[in-house]
Amino acid sequence: MRGRKPTPRALKIVKGNPGKRPLRQSEPRPLSSIPGAPDPLTDEAKKEWSRMTGELNALGLLTSLDWTAFAAYCQAWSDWVGAMEKVKALGAVVKSPNGFPVSNPYADVANRAFKQLRVLWAEFGLTPSSRSRIEVSGD
């Protein structure tokens, strides 16, 4: 499929419809309800799940079909938090087994988790940039 990803109907309603094109009526509309956090998530990920689900659900941006993507966001958050705690404790540079200074491997873990977070933040409207495009309008 070429071109931009289509914007979901719910997000068009929240952002507004600047092109004034008719909204697709045939788009699936899953219920706006979220199950509890999945068991495999870490404690930190479950905290993030609890913190964010209510706000996103209230905006209609989170449904029962989105839980896997949202779980990935929460786990990436947990991975980043855990790795950053290790970097904070050990420093950005550590000694290798040979005694040479090397970049802390936890910094690499944190960077990978942060890249995942950046993608998922945009999907759920969790950055100032993605929120700046949202307008609340009636449906």
Protein backbone atom coordinates (compact mmCIF):
# COMPACT_ATOMS: atom_id res chain seq x y z
CA MET A 1 0.00 0.00 0.00
CA ARG A 2 1.43 3.35 -1.03
CA GLY A 3 1.07 6.77 0.49
CA ARG A 4 0.21 7.85 4.00
CA LYS A 5 -1.45 5.56 6.46
CA PRO A 6 -5.15 6.33 6.67
CA THR A 7 -6.17 8.21 9.78
CA PRO A 8 -8.69 6.31 11.91
CA ARG A 9 -12.17 7.83 12.04
CA ALA A 10 -12.01 8.41 15.81
CA LEU A 11 -8.76 10.34 15.44
CA LYS A 12 -10.25 12.44 12.61
CA ILE A 13 -13.16 13.31 14.90
CA VAL A 14 -10.78 14.34 17.69
CA LYS A 15 -8.37 16.21 15.37
CA GLY A 16 -11.02 17.77 13.20
CA ASN A 17 -11.56 17.23 9.49
CA PRO A 18 -9.75 20.08 7.70
CA GLY A 19 -10.39 18.58 4.24
CA LYS A 20 -14.13 18.38 5.03
CA ARG A 21 -14.28 15.02 3.27
CA PRO A 22 -17.03 12.73 4.49
CA LEU A 23 -15.91 10.38 7.25
CA ARG A 24 -15.92 6.73 6.31
CA GLN A 25 -18.92 5.05 7.84
CA SER A 26 -17.70 1.54 7.02
CA GLU A 27 -14.65 1.70 9.29
CA PRO A 28 -14.79 -0.78 12.17
CA ARG A 29 -15.68 0.88 15.48
CA PRO A 30 -14.43 -1.26 18.34
CA LEU A 31 -15.80 -0.66 21.81
CA SER A 32 -13.92 1.86 23.87
CA SER A 33 -13.10 -0.46 26.74
CA ILE A 34 -9.76 -1.67 27.97
CA PRO A 35 -9.06 -4.93 29.76
CA GLY A 36 -6.68 -5.09 32.70
CA ALA A 37 -2.95 -5.05 32.05
CA PRO A 38 -1.67 -8.31 30.52
CA ASP A 39 0.13 -10.63 32.97
CA PRO A 40 3.46 -10.75 31.09
CA LEU A 41 4.02 -7.00 31.64
CA THR A 42 6.53 -6.00 34.29
CA ASP A 43 5.40 -4.09 37.38
CA GLU A 44 6.68 -0.80 35.91
CA ALA A 45 4.78 -1.48 32.66
CA LYS A 46 1.60 -2.20 34.64
CA LYS A 47 1.99 1.12 36.46
CA GLU A 48 2.22 2.90 33.11
CA TRP A 49 -0.80 0.94 31.87
CA SER A 50 -2.83 2.12 34.87
CA ARG A 51 -1.59 5.69 34.52
CA MET A 52 -2.43 6.11 30.84
CA THR A 53 -5.44 3.93 29.97
CA GLY A 54 -8.05 6.21 31.50
CA GLU A 55 -6.87 9.33 29.72
CA LEU A 56 -6.55 7.68 26.31
CA ASN A 57 -9.82 5.83 26.70
CA ALA A 58 -11.63 9.07 27.60
CA LEU A 59 -10.41 10.58 24.32
CA GLY A 60 -11.61 7.54 22.39
CA LEU A 61 -8.04 6.80 21.30
CA LEU A 62 -7.80 3.44 23.01
CA THR A 63 -10.07 0.45 22.46
CA SER A 64 -10.05 -3.22 23.30
CA LEU A 65 -8.39 -3.91 19.93
CA ASP A 66 -5.47 -1.62 20.76
CA TRP A 67 -4.35 -3.42 23.89
CA THR A 68 -1.43 -5.27 22.25
CA ALA A 69 0.05 -2.08 20.79
CA PHE A 70 -0.54 -0.31 24.08
CA ALA A 71 1.04 -3.20 25.99
CA ALA A 72 4.09 -2.84 23.71
CA TYR A 73 4.23 0.87 24.60
CA CYS A 74 3.99 0.12 28.33
CA GLN A 75 6.69 -2.56 28.16
CA ALA A 76 8.99 -0.29 26.14
CA TRP A 77 8.46 2.34 28.84
CA SER A 78 9.40 -0.19 31.51
CA ASP A 79 12.48 -1.28 29.56
CA TRP A 80 13.60 2.33 29.19
CA VAL A 81 13.04 3.13 32.88
CA GLY A 82 14.94 0.01 33.99
CA ALA A 83 17.85 0.63 31.63
CA MET A 84 18.09 4.28 32.63
CA GLU A 85 18.22 3.31 36.31
CA LYS A 86 21.21 1.06 35.50
CA VAL A 87 22.90 3.83 33.50
CA LYS A 88 22.31 6.23 36.38
CA ALA A 89 23.79 3.75 38.88
CA LEU A 90 26.76 2.59 36.79
CA GLY A 91 27.45 5.62 34.61
CA ALA A 92 27.46 6.05 30.84
CA VAL A 93 30.93 4.52 30.57
CA VAL A 94 31.91 1.28 32.33
CA LYS A 95 34.99 -0.91 32.36
CA SER A 96 35.09 -3.95 30.10
CA PRO A 97 36.32 -7.30 31.46
CA ASN A 98 39.73 -6.30 30.05
CA GLY A 99 39.67 -3.06 32.02
CA PHE A 100 39.08 -0.74 29.06
CA PRO A 101 36.35 1.92 29.21
CA VAL A 102 33.33 1.07 27.07
CA SER A 103 29.86 2.46 26.59
CA ASN A 104 27.44 1.05 29.16
CA PRO A 105 25.42 -1.74 27.47
CA TYR A 106 22.35 -0.54 29.35
CA ALA A 107 22.61 2.73 27.42
CA ASP A 108 22.08 0.72 24.22
CA VAL A 109 19.04 -0.98 25.77
CA ALA A 110 17.68 2.44 26.79
CA ASN A 111 18.24 3.84 23.30
CA ARG A 112 16.43 0.92 21.63
CA ALA A 113 13.52 1.24 24.06
CA PHE A 114 13.38 4.99 23.44
CA LYS A 115 13.16 4.44 19.67
CA GLN A 116 10.22 2.11 20.24
CA LEU A 117 8.62 4.68 22.52
CA ARG A 118 8.93 7.46 19.93
CA VAL A 119 7.02 5.40 17.37
CA LEU A 120 4.34 4.35 19.83
CA TRP A 121 3.95 7.84 21.32
CA ALA A 122 2.99 9.16 17.90
CA GLU A 123 0.49 6.33 17.40
CA PHE A 124 -1.35 7.21 20.61
CA GLY A 125 -0.98 11.03 20.43
CA LEU A 126 1.42 11.15 23.38
CA THR A 127 3.81 13.83 22.12
CA PRO A 128 3.32 17.60 22.00
CA SER A 129 3.74 17.44 18.24
CA SER A 130 1.10 14.77 17.72
CA ARG A 131 -1.28 16.52 20.16
CA SER A 132 -0.83 19.86 18.41
CA ARG A 133 -2.69 18.41 15.43
CA ILE A 134 -5.69 17.39 17.56
CA GLU A 135 -8.82 19.53 17.67
CA VAL A 136 -11.82 18.51 19.70
CA SER A 137 -14.96 18.65 17.60
CA GLY A 138 -18.45 17.23 17.96
CA ASP A 139 -19.57 14.15 16.02
